[in-house]
N, C-alpha and C. Protein backbone atom coordinates (compact mmCIF):
# COMPACT_ATOMS: atom_id res chain seq x y z
N UNK A 1 0.84 -1.17 0.00
CA UNK A 1 0.00 0.00 0.00
C UNK A 1 0.89 1.24 0.00
N UNK A 2 0.41 2.33 -0.61
CA UNK A 2 1.14 3.59 -0.66
C UNK A 2 0.47 4.60 0.26
N UNK A 3 1.27 5.33 1.02
CA UNK A 3 0.78 6.37 1.91
C UNK A 3 1.42 7.69 1.53
N UNK A 4 0.62 8.76 1.50
CA UNK A 4 1.11 10.10 1.23
C UNK A 4 1.30 10.81 2.56
N UNK A 5 2.54 11.18 2.83
CA UNK A 5 2.88 11.87 4.06
C UNK A 5 2.66 13.36 3.83
N UNK A 6 1.69 13.96 4.53
CA UNK A 6 1.42 15.38 4.29
C UNK A 6 2.41 16.25 5.07
N UNK A 7 2.32 17.54 4.84
CA UNK A 7 3.29 18.47 5.41
C UNK A 7 3.30 18.43 6.93
N UNK A 8 2.12 18.41 7.55
CA UNK A 8 2.08 18.40 9.02
C UNK A 8 2.77 17.16 9.59
N UNK A 9 2.51 16.02 8.98
CA UNK A 9 3.17 14.79 9.45
C UNK A 9 4.68 14.89 9.25
N UNK A 10 5.11 15.44 8.13
CA UNK A 10 6.55 15.59 7.87
C UNK A 10 7.19 16.51 8.90
N UNK A 11 6.51 17.61 9.22
CA UNK A 11 7.03 18.54 10.22
C UNK A 11 7.16 17.85 11.58
N UNK A 12 6.13 17.10 11.95
CA UNK A 12 6.18 16.39 13.23
C UNK A 12 7.27 15.32 13.24
N UNK A 13 7.43 14.64 12.13
CA UNK A 13 8.50 13.63 12.03
C UNK A 13 9.87 14.29 12.15
N UNK A 14 10.05 15.40 11.45
CA UNK A 14 11.32 16.13 11.54
C UNK A 14 11.59 16.60 12.97
N UNK A 15 10.51 16.95 13.67
CA UNK A 15 10.65 17.41 15.06
C UNK A 15 10.81 16.28 16.06
N UNK A 16 10.74 15.04 15.57
CA UNK A 16 10.93 13.89 16.45
C UNK A 16 9.76 13.60 17.37
N UNK A 17 8.55 14.04 17.01
CA UNK A 17 7.38 13.76 17.83
C UNK A 17 7.15 12.25 17.87
N UNK A 18 7.18 11.67 19.07
CA UNK A 18 7.14 10.21 19.20
C UNK A 18 5.96 9.53 18.52
N UNK A 19 4.75 10.07 18.68
CA UNK A 19 3.58 9.41 18.07
C UNK A 19 3.70 9.38 16.55
N UNK A 20 4.18 10.47 15.97
CA UNK A 20 4.33 10.53 14.52
C UNK A 20 5.42 9.60 14.05
N UNK A 21 6.57 9.66 14.71
CA UNK A 21 7.70 8.80 14.33
C UNK A 21 7.31 7.33 14.44
N UNK A 22 6.63 6.97 15.52
CA UNK A 22 6.22 5.57 15.71
C UNK A 22 5.19 5.15 14.67
N UNK A 23 4.26 6.04 14.33
CA UNK A 23 3.26 5.71 13.31
C UNK A 23 3.92 5.47 11.97
N UNK A 24 4.89 6.30 11.61
CA UNK A 24 5.60 6.13 10.33
C UNK A 24 6.41 4.84 10.36
N UNK A 25 7.06 4.58 11.47
CA UNK A 25 7.82 3.32 11.59
C UNK A 25 6.91 2.11 11.44
N UNK A 26 5.68 2.24 11.91
CA UNK A 26 4.72 1.16 11.81
C UNK A 26 4.30 0.86 10.38
N UNK A 27 4.62 1.76 9.48
CA UNK A 27 4.28 1.58 8.07
C UNK A 27 5.43 0.98 7.26
N UNK A 28 6.48 0.57 7.93
CA UNK A 28 7.62 -0.04 7.22
C UNK A 28 7.12 -1.17 6.35
N UNK A 29 7.69 -1.24 5.18
CA UNK A 29 7.25 -2.23 4.22
C UNK A 29 6.23 -1.66 3.26
N UNK A 30 5.64 -0.52 3.63
CA UNK A 30 4.72 0.18 2.74
C UNK A 30 5.51 1.27 2.02
N UNK A 31 4.93 1.75 0.95
CA UNK A 31 5.54 2.85 0.22
C UNK A 31 5.00 4.16 0.79
N UNK A 32 5.89 5.00 1.30
CA UNK A 32 5.51 6.30 1.84
C UNK A 32 6.10 7.36 0.92
N UNK A 33 5.25 8.26 0.47
CA UNK A 33 5.69 9.28 -0.48
C UNK A 33 5.38 10.67 0.05
N UNK A 34 6.05 11.66 -0.52
CA UNK A 34 5.80 13.08 -0.24
C UNK A 34 5.38 13.76 -1.52
N UNK A 35 4.51 14.74 -1.41
CA UNK A 35 4.18 15.52 -2.60
C UNK A 35 5.22 16.63 -2.77
N UNK A 36 5.37 17.06 -3.99
CA UNK A 36 6.27 18.17 -4.29
C UNK A 36 5.88 19.39 -3.47
N UNK A 37 4.58 19.61 -3.34
CA UNK A 37 4.08 20.78 -2.61
C UNK A 37 4.48 20.72 -1.14
N UNK A 38 4.40 19.55 -0.53
CA UNK A 38 4.82 19.40 0.86
C UNK A 38 6.31 19.67 1.02
N UNK A 39 7.09 19.20 0.08
CA UNK A 39 8.54 19.46 0.12
C UNK A 39 8.80 20.96 0.04
N UNK A 40 8.08 21.65 -0.85
CA UNK A 40 8.24 23.10 -0.97
C UNK A 40 7.86 23.80 0.34
N UNK A 41 6.80 23.33 0.99
CA UNK A 41 6.40 23.92 2.27
C UNK A 41 7.45 23.68 3.35
N UNK A 42 8.08 22.51 3.34
CA UNK A 42 9.16 22.25 4.29
C UNK A 42 10.32 23.21 4.07
N UNK A 43 10.69 23.42 2.82
CA UNK A 43 11.77 24.37 2.50
C UNK A 43 11.38 25.79 2.90
N UNK A 44 10.14 26.16 2.71
CA UNK A 44 9.68 27.49 3.12
C UNK A 44 9.88 27.65 4.63
N UNK A 45 9.52 26.63 5.37
CA UNK A 45 9.72 26.67 6.82
C UNK A 45 11.18 26.79 7.19
N UNK A 46 12.04 26.11 6.45
CA UNK A 46 13.47 26.18 6.73
C UNK A 46 13.99 27.60 6.54
N UNK A 47 13.58 28.25 5.47
CA UNK A 47 14.04 29.61 5.21
C UNK A 47 13.48 30.61 6.21
N UNK A 48 12.40 30.25 6.90
CA UNK A 48 11.80 31.12 7.92
C UNK A 48 12.32 30.80 9.31
N UNK A 49 13.14 29.78 9.44
CA UNK A 49 13.60 29.34 10.76
C UNK A 49 14.77 30.21 11.25
N UNK A 50 15.07 30.13 12.54
CA UNK A 50 16.19 30.89 13.08
C UNK A 50 17.55 30.48 12.48
N UNK A 51 17.65 29.22 12.05
CA UNK A 51 18.90 28.74 11.47
C UNK A 51 18.60 28.03 10.14
N UNK A 52 18.41 28.81 9.07
CA UNK A 52 18.00 28.22 7.80
C UNK A 52 18.96 27.15 7.28
N UNK A 53 20.24 27.36 7.40
CA UNK A 53 21.19 26.39 6.85
C UNK A 53 21.07 25.03 7.53
N UNK A 54 20.96 25.03 8.84
CA UNK A 54 20.82 23.76 9.57
C UNK A 54 19.48 23.10 9.22
N UNK A 55 18.43 23.91 9.12
CA UNK A 55 17.11 23.37 8.78
C UNK A 55 17.12 22.77 7.38
N UNK A 56 17.79 23.42 6.44
CA UNK A 56 17.88 22.90 5.07
C UNK A 56 18.58 21.55 5.04
N UNK A 57 19.64 21.41 5.81
CA UNK A 57 20.36 20.13 5.87
C UNK A 57 19.43 19.04 6.40
N UNK A 58 18.70 19.36 7.47
CA UNK A 58 17.77 18.38 8.05
C UNK A 58 16.68 17.98 7.06
N UNK A 59 16.13 18.95 6.37
CA UNK A 59 15.05 18.67 5.43
C UNK A 59 15.56 17.87 4.24
N UNK A 60 16.71 18.25 3.70
CA UNK A 60 17.27 17.49 2.57
C UNK A 60 17.50 16.04 2.96
N UNK A 61 18.01 15.82 4.16
CA UNK A 61 18.24 14.45 4.63
C UNK A 61 16.91 13.71 4.76
N UNK A 62 15.91 14.35 5.37
CA UNK A 62 14.60 13.74 5.56
C UNK A 62 13.96 13.39 4.22
N UNK A 63 13.94 14.33 3.30
CA UNK A 63 13.28 14.14 2.00
C UNK A 63 13.98 13.04 1.20
N UNK A 64 15.28 12.90 1.37
CA UNK A 64 16.02 11.90 0.58
C UNK A 64 15.54 10.48 0.87
N UNK A 65 14.84 10.28 1.97
CA UNK A 65 14.36 8.95 2.32
C UNK A 65 13.01 8.59 1.71
N UNK A 66 12.44 9.51 0.92
CA UNK A 66 11.11 9.30 0.38
C UNK A 66 11.09 9.58 -1.13
N UNK A 67 10.13 8.96 -1.79
CA UNK A 67 9.87 9.26 -3.18
C UNK A 67 9.01 10.52 -3.20
N UNK A 68 9.37 11.50 -4.04
CA UNK A 68 8.61 12.75 -4.13
C UNK A 68 7.76 12.72 -5.39
N UNK A 69 6.46 12.92 -5.20
CA UNK A 69 5.53 12.93 -6.33
C UNK A 69 5.50 14.32 -6.94
N UNK A 70 5.75 14.37 -8.24
CA UNK A 70 5.72 15.64 -8.97
C UNK A 70 4.51 15.61 -9.89
N UNK A 71 3.60 16.59 -9.74
CA UNK A 71 2.38 16.56 -10.56
C UNK A 71 2.67 16.90 -12.02
N UNK A 72 1.83 16.36 -12.89
CA UNK A 72 1.94 16.71 -14.30
C UNK A 72 1.09 17.94 -14.57
N UNK A 73 1.11 18.44 -15.79
CA UNK A 73 0.37 19.65 -16.14
C UNK A 73 -1.13 19.51 -15.91
N UNK A 74 -1.69 18.36 -16.25
CA UNK A 74 -3.13 18.17 -16.06
C UNK A 74 -3.50 18.27 -14.58
N UNK A 75 -2.71 17.65 -13.73
CA UNK A 75 -2.96 17.70 -12.30
C UNK A 75 -2.84 19.13 -11.78
N UNK A 76 -1.82 19.84 -12.23
CA UNK A 76 -1.63 21.22 -11.81
C UNK A 76 -2.80 22.10 -12.24
N UNK A 77 -3.31 21.87 -13.43
CA UNK A 77 -4.44 22.67 -13.92
C UNK A 77 -5.70 22.40 -13.11
N UNK A 78 -5.97 21.14 -12.79
CA UNK A 78 -7.14 20.79 -11.98
C UNK A 78 -7.00 21.40 -10.59
N UNK A 79 -5.83 21.30 -10.02
CA UNK A 79 -5.56 21.89 -8.70
C UNK A 79 -5.85 23.38 -8.72
N UNK A 80 -5.34 24.07 -9.72
CA UNK A 80 -5.52 25.53 -9.83
C UNK A 80 -7.00 25.88 -9.98
N UNK A 81 -7.70 25.12 -10.80
CA UNK A 81 -9.13 25.39 -11.01
C UNK A 81 -9.91 25.20 -9.71
N UNK A 82 -9.61 24.16 -8.97
CA UNK A 82 -10.31 23.91 -7.71
C UNK A 82 -10.00 24.97 -6.67
N UNK A 83 -8.77 25.40 -6.59
CA UNK A 83 -8.39 26.43 -5.62
C UNK A 83 -8.95 27.79 -5.98
N UNK A 84 -9.21 28.03 -7.24
CA UNK A 84 -9.72 29.33 -7.68
C UNK A 84 -11.17 29.55 -7.25
N UNK A 85 -11.86 28.48 -6.90
CA UNK A 85 -13.30 28.63 -6.54
C UNK A 85 -13.53 28.34 -5.12
């Protein structure tokens, strides 16, 4: 089974929150992916943090452990249309 790790879960995992970390560990053997948008939000948080360089290193390391889903043009267009209304 494939699970999409959203931004909030990624932030909690990066922060070492035990419930989140344990839940993700419980999914071992499953495919866990991140969306491109969540990765962008993590980087945004890093640039807003007190120590951007250290945060960027942590995020790059975290993201490297997951497959990142990149939307195609059709998906991006549908997303934009839905958000516009």
